[in-house]
C-alpha atoms as a PDB file:
ATOM      1  CA  MET A   1      16.531   8.343   6.377  1.00  0.00           C
ATOM      2  CA  ASN A   2      14.052   7.599   9.121  1.00  0.00           C
ATOM      3  CA  GLN A   3      10.755   6.092   7.851  1.00  0.00           C
ATOM      4  CA  ASN A   4       7.451   6.924   9.330  1.00  0.00           C
ATOM      5  CA  PRO A   5       6.473   4.293  11.910  1.00  0.00           C
ATOM      6  CA  GLY A   6       2.882   4.208  10.738  1.00  0.00           C
ATOM      7  CA  ILE A   7       3.994   3.484   7.203  1.00  0.00           C
ATOM      8  CA  GLU A   8       6.354   0.799   8.400  1.00  0.00           C
ATOM      9  CA  ALA A   9       3.513  -0.781  10.396  1.00  0.00           C
ATOM     10  CA  VAL A  10       1.315  -0.798   7.155  1.00  0.00           C
ATOM     11  CA  ARG A  11       4.105  -2.440   5.206  1.00  0.00           C
ATOM     12  CA  THR A  12       4.763  -5.020   7.905  1.00  0.00           C
ATOM     13  CA  LEU A  13       0.956  -5.825   8.039  1.00  0.00           C
ATOM     14  CA  ALA A  14       0.801  -6.039   4.291  1.00  0.00           C
ATOM     15  CA  TYR A  15       3.658  -8.531   4.115  1.00  0.00           C
ATOM     16  CA  MET A  16       1.864 -10.581   6.865  1.00  0.00           C
ATOM     17  CA  GLY A  17      -1.151 -10.845   4.604  1.00  0.00           C
ATOM     18  CA  TYR A  18      -3.366  -7.839   5.307  1.00  0.00           C
ATOM     19  CA  ARG A  19      -4.975  -5.790   2.489  1.00  0.00           C
ATOM     20  CA  PHE A  20      -6.072  -2.209   3.048  1.00  0.00           C
ATOM     21  CA  THR A  21      -8.749   0.064   1.587  1.00  0.00           C
ATOM     22  CA  VAL A  22      -9.276   3.739   2.404  1.00  0.00           C
ATOM     23  CA  ASN A  23     -12.591   5.583   2.128  1.00  0.00           C
ATOM     24  CA  GLY A  24     -12.171   9.133   3.091  1.00  0.00           C
ATOM     25  CA  GLU A  25     -10.398   8.975   6.426  1.00  0.00           C
ATOM     26  CA  THR A  26     -11.555   5.446   7.158  1.00  0.00           C
ATOM     27  CA  ILE A  27      -9.044   2.574   6.908  1.00  0.00           C
ATOM     28  CA  LYS A  28     -10.266  -0.911   6.535  1.00  0.00           C
ATOM     29  CA  ALA A  29      -8.101  -3.951   6.779  1.00  0.00           C
ATOM     30  CA  ARG A  30      -8.839  -7.465   5.642  1.00  0.00           C
ATOM     31  CA  TYR A  31      -6.565 -10.510   6.257  1.00  0.00           C
ATOM     32  CA  GLU A  32      -5.938 -12.660   3.255  1.00  0.00           C
ATOM     33  CA  GLY A  33      -2.764 -14.427   4.447  1.00  0.00           C
ATOM     34  CA  PRO A  34      -2.225 -18.045   5.341  1.00  0.00           C
ATOM     35  CA  GLY A  35      -3.585 -19.394   8.593  1.00  0.00           C
ATOM     36  CA  LYS A  36      -4.644 -17.024  11.317  1.00  0.00           C
ATOM     37  CA  PRO A  37      -3.006 -13.741  12.230  1.00  0.00           C
ATOM     38  CA  ASP A  38      -1.292 -13.550  15.652  1.00  0.00           C
ATOM     39  CA  PRO A  39      -3.081 -10.821  17.641  1.00  0.00           C
ATOM     40  CA  ALA A  40       0.053 -10.278  19.701  1.00  0.00           C
ATOM     41  CA  GLN A  41       1.888  -9.197  16.598  1.00  0.00           C
ATOM     42  CA  VAL A  42      -0.934  -7.367  14.972  1.00  0.00           C
ATOM     43  CA  ARG A  43      -2.331  -5.191  17.744  1.00  0.00           C
ATOM     44  CA  PRO A  44       0.882  -3.153  18.366  1.00  0.00           C
ATOM     45  CA  LEU A  45       1.157  -2.523  14.579  1.00  0.00           C
ATOM     46  CA  VAL A  46      -2.486  -1.342  14.411  1.00  0.00           C
ATOM     47  CA  ASP A  47      -1.919   0.892  17.416  1.00  0.00           C
ATOM     48  CA  VAL A  48       1.113   2.458  15.632  1.00  0.00           C
ATOM     49  CA  MET A  49      -0.972   3.005  12.558  1.00  0.00           C
ATOM     50  CA  LYS A  50      -3.589   4.808  14.571  1.00  0.00           C
ATOM     51  CA  ALA A  51      -1.016   7.033  16.234  1.00  0.00           C
ATOM     52  CA  HIS A  52       0.128   8.089  12.746  1.00  0.00           C
ATOM     53  CA  LYS A  53      -3.255   8.032  10.944  1.00  0.00           C
ATOM     54  CA  PRO A  54      -2.960  11.082   8.733  1.00  0.00           C
ATOM     55  CA  ASP A  55       0.270   9.839   7.317  1.00  0.00           C
ATOM     56  CA  VAL A  56      -1.005   6.290   7.017  1.00  0.00           C
ATOM     57  CA  VAL A  57      -4.184   7.493   5.152  1.00  0.00           C
ATOM     58  CA  TYR A  58      -2.156   9.540   2.714  1.00  0.00           C
ATOM     59  CA  PHE A  59       0.307   6.649   2.124  1.00  0.00           C
ATOM     60  CA  LEU A  60      -2.465   3.991   1.570  1.00  0.00           C
ATOM     61  CA  LYS A  61      -4.170   6.138  -1.011  1.00  0.00           C
ATOM     62  CA  SER A  62      -1.167   5.349  -3.281  1.00  0.00           C
ATOM     63  CA  PHE A  63       0.180   2.138  -1.717  1.00  0.00           C
ATOM     64  CA  CYS A  64       0.480  -1.045  -3.869  1.00  0.00           C
ATOM     65  CA  PRO A  65      -0.531  -3.959  -1.624  1.00  0.00           C
ATOM     66  CA  ARG A  66       1.247  -6.427  -3.951  1.00  0.00           C
ATOM     67  CA  CYS A  67       4.808  -5.065  -3.702  1.00  0.00           C
ATOM     68  CA  GLY A  68       4.707  -2.227  -1.192  1.00  0.00           C
ATOM     69  CA  GLY A  69       5.522   0.439  -3.819  1.00  0.00           C
ATOM     70  CA  ILE A  70       3.656   3.543  -4.724  1.00  0.00           C
ATOM     71  CA  CYS A  71       0.971   3.394  -7.397  1.00  0.00           C
ATOM     72  CA  PHE A  72       0.869   5.357 -10.572  1.00  0.00           C
ATOM     73  CA  MET A  73      -2.712   6.669 -11.079  1.00  0.00           C
ATOM     74  CA  PRO A  74      -3.211   7.072 -14.859  1.00  0.00           C
ATOM     75  CA  GLY A  75      -6.587   8.669 -14.615  1.00  0.00           C
ATOM     76  CA  GLY A  76      -8.585   5.458 -15.247  1.00  0.00           C
ATOM     77  CA  VAL A  77     -10.596   3.496 -12.775  1.00  0.00           C
ATOM     78  CA  ASP A  78      -7.755   1.258 -11.685  1.00  0.00           C
ATOM     79  CA  SER A  79      -4.498   2.206  -9.991  1.00  0.00           C
ATOM     80  CA  LEU A  80      -1.458   0.767 -11.725  1.00  0.00           C
ATOM     81  CA  CYS A  81       1.785   0.215  -9.952  1.00  0.00           C
ATOM     82  CA  MET A  82       5.076   1.230 -11.624  1.00  0.00           C
ATOM     83  CA  ALA A  83       6.668  -2.123 -10.469  1.00  0.00           C
ATOM     84  CA  CYS A  84       3.834  -4.683 -10.850  1.00  0.00           C
ATOM     85  CA  ASP A  85       2.088  -3.261 -13.888  1.00  0.00           C
ATOM     86  CA  TRP A  86       5.061  -1.820 -15.900  1.00  0.00           C
ATOM     87  CA  GLU A  87       4.250  -3.626 -19.098  1.00  0.00           C
ATOM     88  CA  GLN A  88       0.711  -2.434 -19.102  1.00  0.00           C
ATOM     89  CA  LEU A  89       1.702   1.159 -18.308  1.00  0.00           C
ATOM     90  CA  VAL A  90       4.228   1.157 -21.155  1.00  0.00           C
ATOM     91  CA  GLY A  91       1.380   0.006 -23.422  1.00  0.00           C
ATOM     92  CA  LEU A  92      -0.666   2.860 -22.247  1.00  0.00           C
ATOM     93  CA  TYR A  93       2.090   5.407 -22.117  1.00  0.00           C
ATOM     94  CA  PRO A  94       4.848   4.464 -24.594  1.00  0.00           C
ATOM     95  CA  ASP A  95       6.976   7.429 -23.570  1.00  0.00           C
ATOM     96  CA  LEU A  96       7.656   5.785 -20.228  1.00  0.00           C
ATOM     97  CA  GLN A  97      10.137   3.573 -22.111  1.00  0.00           C
ATOM     98  CA  ARG A  98      12.035   6.449 -23.507  1.00  0.00           C
ATOM     99  CA  LYS A  99      15.597   6.721 -22.431  1.00  0.00           C
ATOM    100  CA  HIS A 100      17.036  10.052 -21.437  1.00  0.00           C
END
């Protein structure tokens, strides 16, 4: 399966240390990685994100910056990731643990 280039750019930047927030259609990125980011690596990735902005915005609204997975939104204030926050989610929703 071919992945969306904008989403792949987001994932690459996240692994480099960037953290994203989305407000409406506005994407904000903040670098939290070690050292300084290399503009020669970052700029082309940002350009790809811009070229695929609608898909990137949609993805970032449910993207887990810790693991790159998709977040589960349980209706509370915080987004909880199915991978990173599994124990907490099972505590909130015990039926998640149910085997089929």
